[in-house]
Amino acid sequence: MLNPDDKAVPSNRWLFYTGRMSPADPRDRKAAEDQVDPDRLLEGEDPNSPQPEDARHWVETYRELLGVKERLLGTAMAQPLEESATREVASTDLVTLRAEHARFKRRLEFWKRRAAELERS
């Protein structure tokens, strides 16, 4: 367990849950911007890889990520909320989830096409 007085750098998760990371923290801002960047690739993702196994890996990765976003969207939209809470969720959380969902769907389609091309080669 981390001690707040410990000089080691705590994880972002620990900082977030203990309230020691402010929303204005540059790391949070960067993470939020990355979430909705329609062109962002995942770490290690190389669209020019000539390896069919790489393409299959990314198809599976994006299929899983897309499923997660679909479940999150379903859960978020099914919550009975007070009117002002509904507006807040719709104007923030759902916007981000939909942007991520769209990006994952585009990437999945890209990697399906890429896998098919590489299998024919």
N, C-alpha and C. Protein backbone atom coordinates (compact mmCIF):
# COMPACT_ATOMS: atom_id res chain seq x y z
N MET A 1 0.85 -1.18 0.00
CA MET A 1 0.00 0.00 0.00
C MET A 1 0.89 1.24 0.00
N LEU A 2 0.53 2.21 -0.81
CA LEU A 2 1.32 3.43 -0.88
C LEU A 2 1.01 4.33 0.31
N ASN A 3 2.04 4.89 0.84
CA ASN A 3 1.94 5.86 1.91
C ASN A 3 2.02 7.24 1.27
N PRO A 4 1.08 8.15 1.57
CA PRO A 4 1.13 9.48 0.95
C PRO A 4 2.44 10.23 1.22
N ASP A 5 3.13 9.86 2.29
CA ASP A 5 4.40 10.52 2.60
C ASP A 5 5.59 9.88 1.91
N ASP A 6 5.34 8.75 1.24
CA ASP A 6 6.41 8.05 0.53
C ASP A 6 6.91 8.95 -0.60
N LYS A 7 8.21 8.95 -0.81
CA LYS A 7 8.80 9.81 -1.85
C LYS A 7 8.72 9.19 -3.24
N ALA A 8 8.33 7.92 -3.32
CA ALA A 8 8.17 7.27 -4.64
C ALA A 8 7.03 7.95 -5.38
N VAL A 9 7.13 7.98 -6.68
CA VAL A 9 6.07 8.59 -7.49
C VAL A 9 4.91 7.62 -7.57
N PRO A 10 3.75 8.01 -7.05
CA PRO A 10 2.60 7.10 -7.10
C PRO A 10 2.00 7.04 -8.50
N SER A 11 1.22 6.01 -8.73
CA SER A 11 0.59 5.85 -10.04
C SER A 11 -0.49 6.91 -10.22
N ASN A 12 -0.83 7.17 -11.49
CA ASN A 12 -1.91 8.11 -11.78
C ASN A 12 -3.22 7.63 -11.16
N ARG A 13 -3.45 6.32 -11.16
CA ARG A 13 -4.67 5.77 -10.60
C ARG A 13 -4.76 6.13 -9.12
N TRP A 14 -3.66 5.96 -8.40
CA TRP A 14 -3.64 6.28 -6.97
C TRP A 14 -3.91 7.77 -6.78
N LEU A 15 -3.28 8.59 -7.60
CA LEU A 15 -3.49 10.03 -7.50
C LEU A 15 -4.95 10.39 -7.77
N PHE A 16 -5.53 9.77 -8.78
CA PHE A 16 -6.92 10.07 -9.12
C PHE A 16 -7.86 9.69 -7.99
N TYR A 17 -7.74 8.46 -7.52
CA TYR A 17 -8.67 7.98 -6.50
C TYR A 17 -8.48 8.66 -5.15
N THR A 18 -7.33 9.20 -4.88
CA THR A 18 -7.12 9.90 -3.62
C THR A 18 -7.40 11.39 -3.77
N GLY A 19 -7.76 11.82 -4.98
CA GLY A 19 -8.07 13.22 -5.20
C GLY A 19 -6.85 14.11 -5.27
N ARG A 20 -5.68 13.53 -5.45
CA ARG A 20 -4.46 14.33 -5.48
C ARG A 20 -4.07 14.74 -6.90
N MET A 21 -4.82 14.33 -7.87
CA MET A 21 -4.55 14.75 -9.25
C MET A 21 -5.69 15.65 -9.67
N SER A 22 -5.39 16.86 -10.00
CA SER A 22 -6.44 17.79 -10.36
C SER A 22 -6.84 17.59 -11.82
N PRO A 23 -8.07 17.97 -12.17
CA PRO A 23 -8.50 17.86 -13.56
C PRO A 23 -7.63 18.69 -14.50
N ALA A 24 -6.93 19.67 -13.96
CA ALA A 24 -6.08 20.52 -14.79
C ALA A 24 -4.70 19.91 -14.99
N ASP A 25 -4.46 18.75 -14.40
CA ASP A 25 -3.16 18.09 -14.54
C ASP A 25 -2.90 17.82 -16.02
N PRO A 26 -1.74 18.19 -16.53
CA PRO A 26 -1.44 18.00 -17.96
C PRO A 26 -1.57 16.54 -18.41
N ARG A 27 -1.29 15.59 -17.52
CA ARG A 27 -1.43 14.17 -17.90
C ARG A 27 -2.89 13.83 -18.16
N ASP A 28 -3.79 14.38 -17.34
CA ASP A 28 -5.22 14.14 -17.55
C ASP A 28 -5.68 14.79 -18.85
N ARG A 29 -5.23 16.00 -19.08
CA ARG A 29 -5.61 16.72 -20.29
C ARG A 29 -5.15 15.95 -21.53
N LYS A 30 -3.92 15.46 -21.52
CA LYS A 30 -3.38 14.70 -22.65
C LYS A 30 -4.17 13.41 -22.86
N ALA A 31 -4.47 12.72 -21.77
CA ALA A 31 -5.24 11.47 -21.87
C ALA A 31 -6.62 11.74 -22.46
N ALA A 32 -7.27 12.82 -22.04
CA ALA A 32 -8.59 13.16 -22.56
C ALA A 32 -8.52 13.50 -24.05
N GLU A 33 -7.51 14.25 -24.44
CA GLU A 33 -7.34 14.60 -25.85
C GLU A 33 -7.07 13.35 -26.68
N ASP A 34 -6.25 12.45 -26.16
CA ASP A 34 -5.94 11.21 -26.88
C ASP A 34 -7.18 10.35 -27.08
N GLN A 35 -8.08 10.35 -26.10
CA GLN A 35 -9.28 9.53 -26.20
C GLN A 35 -10.12 9.86 -27.41
N VAL A 36 -10.18 11.12 -27.76
CA VAL A 36 -11.06 11.53 -28.87
C VAL A 36 -10.30 11.84 -30.15
N ASP A 37 -9.00 11.61 -30.17
CA ASP A 37 -8.22 11.81 -31.40
C ASP A 37 -8.59 10.72 -32.39
N PRO A 38 -9.25 11.06 -33.48
CA PRO A 38 -9.73 10.02 -34.40
C PRO A 38 -8.62 9.27 -35.13
N ASP A 39 -7.41 9.81 -35.12
CA ASP A 39 -6.31 9.19 -35.85
C ASP A 39 -5.30 8.48 -34.94
N ARG A 40 -5.55 8.47 -33.64
CA ARG A 40 -4.58 7.89 -32.72
C ARG A 40 -4.51 6.38 -32.89
N LEU A 41 -3.28 5.88 -32.95
CA LEU A 41 -3.04 4.44 -33.01
C LEU A 41 -2.68 3.95 -31.61
N LEU A 42 -2.89 2.69 -31.38
CA LEU A 42 -2.50 2.10 -30.10
C LEU A 42 -0.99 1.89 -30.08
N GLU A 43 -0.44 1.83 -28.90
CA GLU A 43 0.99 1.60 -28.75
C GLU A 43 1.37 0.29 -29.45
N GLY A 44 2.38 0.37 -30.31
CA GLY A 44 2.86 -0.81 -31.03
C GLY A 44 2.14 -1.08 -32.34
N GLU A 45 1.11 -0.34 -32.63
CA GLU A 45 0.33 -0.55 -33.86
C GLU A 45 1.06 0.05 -35.05
N ASP A 46 1.36 -0.80 -36.04
CA ASP A 46 2.05 -0.35 -37.25
C ASP A 46 1.20 -0.69 -38.46
N PRO A 47 0.50 0.29 -39.02
CA PRO A 47 -0.38 0.01 -40.16
C PRO A 47 0.35 -0.52 -41.39
N ASN A 48 1.67 -0.34 -41.44
CA ASN A 48 2.44 -0.80 -42.58
C ASN A 48 3.09 -2.16 -42.37
N SER A 49 2.77 -2.81 -41.28
CA SER A 49 3.37 -4.12 -41.03
C SER A 49 3.01 -5.09 -42.15
N PRO A 50 4.01 -5.82 -42.65
CA PRO A 50 3.74 -6.80 -43.72
C PRO A 50 3.34 -8.17 -43.17
N GLN A 51 3.24 -8.30 -41.86
CA GLN A 51 2.99 -9.59 -41.22
C GLN A 51 1.49 -9.86 -41.04
N PRO A 52 0.97 -10.94 -41.63
CA PRO A 52 -0.45 -11.28 -41.43
C PRO A 52 -0.81 -11.48 -39.96
N GLU A 53 0.12 -12.03 -39.17
CA GLU A 53 -0.20 -12.24 -37.74
C GLU A 53 -0.37 -10.91 -37.00
N ASP A 54 0.34 -9.87 -37.44
CA ASP A 54 0.13 -8.54 -36.84
C ASP A 54 -1.29 -8.06 -37.13
N ALA A 55 -1.70 -8.20 -38.37
CA ALA A 55 -3.05 -7.77 -38.75
C ALA A 55 -4.10 -8.54 -37.96
N ARG A 56 -3.92 -9.85 -37.82
CA ARG A 56 -4.88 -10.65 -37.05
C ARG A 56 -4.90 -10.20 -35.59
N HIS A 57 -3.72 -9.88 -35.05
CA HIS A 57 -3.65 -9.40 -33.67
C HIS A 57 -4.47 -8.13 -33.49
N TRP A 58 -4.33 -7.18 -34.43
CA TRP A 58 -5.03 -5.91 -34.30
C TRP A 58 -6.52 -6.07 -34.57
N VAL A 59 -6.91 -6.98 -35.43
CA VAL A 59 -8.33 -7.26 -35.62
C VAL A 59 -8.92 -7.71 -34.28
N GLU A 60 -8.27 -8.64 -33.62
CA GLU A 60 -8.78 -9.14 -32.35
C GLU A 60 -8.76 -8.04 -31.27
N THR A 61 -7.69 -7.27 -31.23
CA THR A 61 -7.59 -6.19 -30.24
C THR A 61 -8.72 -5.18 -30.42
N TYR A 62 -8.92 -4.73 -31.65
CA TYR A 62 -9.97 -3.74 -31.87
C TYR A 62 -11.36 -4.34 -31.72
N ARG A 63 -11.53 -5.60 -32.02
CA ARG A 63 -12.82 -6.25 -31.80
C ARG A 63 -13.15 -6.24 -30.30
N GLU A 64 -12.16 -6.55 -29.48
CA GLU A 64 -12.36 -6.54 -28.03
C GLU A 64 -12.65 -5.12 -27.52
N LEU A 65 -11.86 -4.15 -27.98
CA LEU A 65 -12.06 -2.77 -27.54
C LEU A 65 -13.43 -2.24 -27.96
N LEU A 66 -13.85 -2.58 -29.16
CA LEU A 66 -15.15 -2.15 -29.64
C LEU A 66 -16.26 -2.75 -28.77
N GLY A 67 -16.10 -4.00 -28.40
CA GLY A 67 -17.09 -4.64 -27.52
C GLY A 67 -17.18 -3.95 -26.17
N VAL A 68 -16.03 -3.57 -25.63
CA VAL A 68 -16.02 -2.85 -24.35
C VAL A 68 -16.78 -1.54 -24.48
N LYS A 69 -16.49 -0.78 -25.53
CA LYS A 69 -17.16 0.51 -25.72
C LYS A 69 -18.66 0.33 -25.93
N GLU A 70 -19.06 -0.70 -26.65
CA GLU A 70 -20.49 -0.95 -26.85
C GLU A 70 -21.18 -1.26 -25.53
N ARG A 71 -20.53 -2.05 -24.68
CA ARG A 71 -21.12 -2.35 -23.36
C ARG A 71 -21.18 -1.09 -22.50
N LEU A 72 -20.13 -0.28 -22.53
CA LEU A 72 -20.14 0.96 -21.75
C LEU A 72 -21.22 1.92 -22.23
N LEU A 73 -21.36 2.05 -23.55
CA LEU A 73 -22.41 2.91 -24.09
C LEU A 73 -23.79 2.41 -23.68
N GLY A 74 -24.01 1.11 -23.78
CA GLY A 74 -25.29 0.53 -23.39
C GLY A 74 -25.60 0.79 -21.93
N THR A 75 -24.60 0.60 -21.08
CA THR A 75 -24.79 0.84 -19.65
C THR A 75 -25.07 2.31 -19.37
N ALA A 76 -24.29 3.19 -19.98
CA ALA A 76 -24.45 4.63 -19.75
C ALA A 76 -25.83 5.11 -20.20
N MET A 77 -26.31 4.60 -21.32
CA MET A 77 -27.59 5.07 -21.85
C MET A 77 -28.77 4.45 -21.12
N ALA A 78 -28.56 3.34 -20.43
CA ALA A 78 -29.66 2.66 -19.74
C ALA A 78 -29.87 3.16 -18.32
N GLN A 79 -28.99 4.01 -17.84
CA GLN A 79 -29.08 4.50 -16.46
C GLN A 79 -30.23 5.49 -16.30
N PRO A 80 -31.14 5.23 -15.37
CA PRO A 80 -32.17 6.23 -15.10
C PRO A 80 -31.56 7.36 -14.27
N LEU A 81 -31.47 8.53 -14.86
CA LEU A 81 -30.85 9.67 -14.20
C LEU A 81 -31.81 10.85 -14.15
N GLU A 82 -31.56 11.72 -13.20
CA GLU A 82 -32.28 12.98 -13.11
C GLU A 82 -31.95 13.79 -14.36
N GLU A 83 -32.83 14.70 -14.75
CA GLU A 83 -32.70 15.41 -16.03
C GLU A 83 -31.36 16.13 -16.19
N SER A 84 -30.90 16.86 -15.19
CA SER A 84 -29.63 17.58 -15.34
C SER A 84 -28.46 16.60 -15.41
N ALA A 85 -28.55 15.48 -14.71
CA ALA A 85 -27.50 14.46 -14.80
C ALA A 85 -27.50 13.83 -16.19
N THR A 86 -28.68 13.61 -16.75
CA THR A 86 -28.78 13.06 -18.11
C THR A 86 -28.13 14.00 -19.11
N ARG A 87 -28.38 15.30 -19.00
CA ARG A 87 -27.77 16.27 -19.91
C ARG A 87 -26.25 16.25 -19.78
N GLU A 88 -25.76 16.17 -18.55
CA GLU A 88 -24.30 16.15 -18.33
C GLU A 88 -23.67 14.91 -18.95
N VAL A 89 -24.26 13.76 -18.72
CA VAL A 89 -23.73 12.52 -19.28
C VAL A 89 -23.77 12.57 -20.81
N ALA A 90 -24.88 13.07 -21.35
CA ALA A 90 -25.02 13.13 -22.81
C ALA A 90 -24.02 14.09 -23.44
N SER A 91 -23.70 15.18 -22.74
CA SER A 91 -22.81 16.18 -23.34
C SER A 91 -21.33 15.93 -23.05
N THR A 92 -21.02 14.97 -22.22
CA THR A 92 -19.61 14.70 -21.90
C THR A 92 -19.26 13.24 -22.12
N ASP A 93 -19.72 12.39 -21.23
CA ASP A 93 -19.34 10.98 -21.26
C ASP A 93 -19.74 10.29 -22.57
N LEU A 94 -20.98 10.50 -22.99
CA LEU A 94 -21.43 9.83 -24.21
C LEU A 94 -20.70 10.34 -25.44
N VAL A 95 -20.35 11.62 -25.45
CA VAL A 95 -19.59 12.17 -26.58
C VAL A 95 -18.25 11.46 -26.69
N THR A 96 -17.57 11.32 -25.56
CA THR A 96 -16.26 10.65 -25.55
C THR A 96 -16.40 9.18 -25.91
N LEU A 97 -17.36 8.49 -25.32
CA LEU A 97 -17.54 7.07 -25.62
C LEU A 97 -17.87 6.86 -27.10
N ARG A 98 -18.70 7.71 -27.66
CA ARG A 98 -19.04 7.57 -29.08
C ARG A 98 -17.84 7.85 -29.98
N ALA A 99 -17.03 8.83 -29.61
CA ALA A 99 -15.83 9.12 -30.40
C ALA A 99 -14.86 7.94 -30.35
N GLU A 100 -14.68 7.37 -29.18
CA GLU A 100 -13.80 6.20 -29.06
C GLU A 100 -14.37 5.01 -29.83
N HIS A 101 -15.67 4.80 -29.72
CA HIS A 101 -16.34 3.71 -30.44
C HIS A 101 -16.12 3.86 -31.94
N ALA A 102 -16.30 5.08 -32.45
CA ALA A 102 -16.12 5.31 -33.89
C ALA A 102 -14.68 5.04 -34.31
N ARG A 103 -13.72 5.47 -33.49
CA ARG A 103 -12.30 5.24 -33.82
C ARG A 103 -12.00 3.75 -33.83
N PHE A 104 -12.46 3.04 -32.82
CA PHE A 104 -12.19 1.60 -32.76
C PHE A 104 -12.85 0.87 -33.93
N LYS A 105 -14.03 1.31 -34.32
CA LYS A 105 -14.72 0.68 -35.46
C LYS A 105 -13.93 0.92 -36.75
N ARG A 106 -13.45 2.16 -36.95
CA ARG A 106 -12.64 2.45 -38.15
C ARG A 106 -11.36 1.63 -38.16
N ARG A 107 -10.69 1.54 -37.01
CA ARG A 107 -9.45 0.78 -36.93
C ARG A 107 -9.71 -0.71 -37.17
N LEU A 108 -10.79 -1.23 -36.63
CA LEU A 108 -11.13 -2.63 -36.85
C LEU A 108 -11.35 -2.89 -38.34
N GLU A 109 -12.10 -2.03 -39.00
CA GLU A 109 -12.33 -2.20 -40.44
C GLU A 109 -11.03 -2.11 -41.23
N PHE A 110 -10.16 -1.16 -40.84
CA PHE A 110 -8.86 -1.07 -41.49
C PHE A 110 -8.10 -2.38 -41.37
N TRP A 111 -8.03 -2.92 -40.15
CA TRP A 111 -7.24 -4.13 -39.94
C TRP A 111 -7.88 -5.37 -40.57
N LYS A 112 -9.18 -5.40 -40.70
CA LYS A 112 -9.82 -6.50 -41.42
C LYS A 112 -9.41 -6.47 -42.90
N ARG A 113 -9.45 -5.25 -43.48
CA ARG A 113 -9.02 -5.12 -44.89
C ARG A 113 -7.55 -5.47 -45.03
N ARG A 114 -6.73 -4.99 -44.11
CA ARG A 114 -5.29 -5.25 -44.16
C ARG A 114 -5.00 -6.74 -44.02
N ALA A 115 -5.70 -7.40 -43.13
CA ALA A 115 -5.51 -8.84 -42.94
C ALA A 115 -5.87 -9.59 -44.23
N ALA A 116 -6.96 -9.20 -44.86
CA ALA A 116 -7.36 -9.85 -46.10
C ALA A 116 -6.31 -9.63 -47.19
N GLU A 117 -5.76 -8.42 -47.29
CA GLU A 117 -4.73 -8.12 -48.28
C GLU A 117 -3.50 -8.99 -48.03
N LEU A 118 -3.08 -9.07 -46.78
CA LEU A 118 -1.87 -9.83 -46.46
C LEU A 118 -2.07 -11.32 -46.64
N GLU A 119 -3.27 -11.81 -46.41
CA GLU A 119 -3.54 -13.24 -46.60
C GLU A 119 -3.47 -13.59 -48.09
N ARG A 120 -3.86 -12.65 -48.96
CA ARG A 120 -3.80 -12.90 -50.41
C ARG A 120 -2.38 -12.84 -50.96
N SER A 121 -1.52 -12.16 -50.25
CA SER A 121 -0.14 -11.97 -50.74
C SER A 121 0.68 -13.24 -50.62
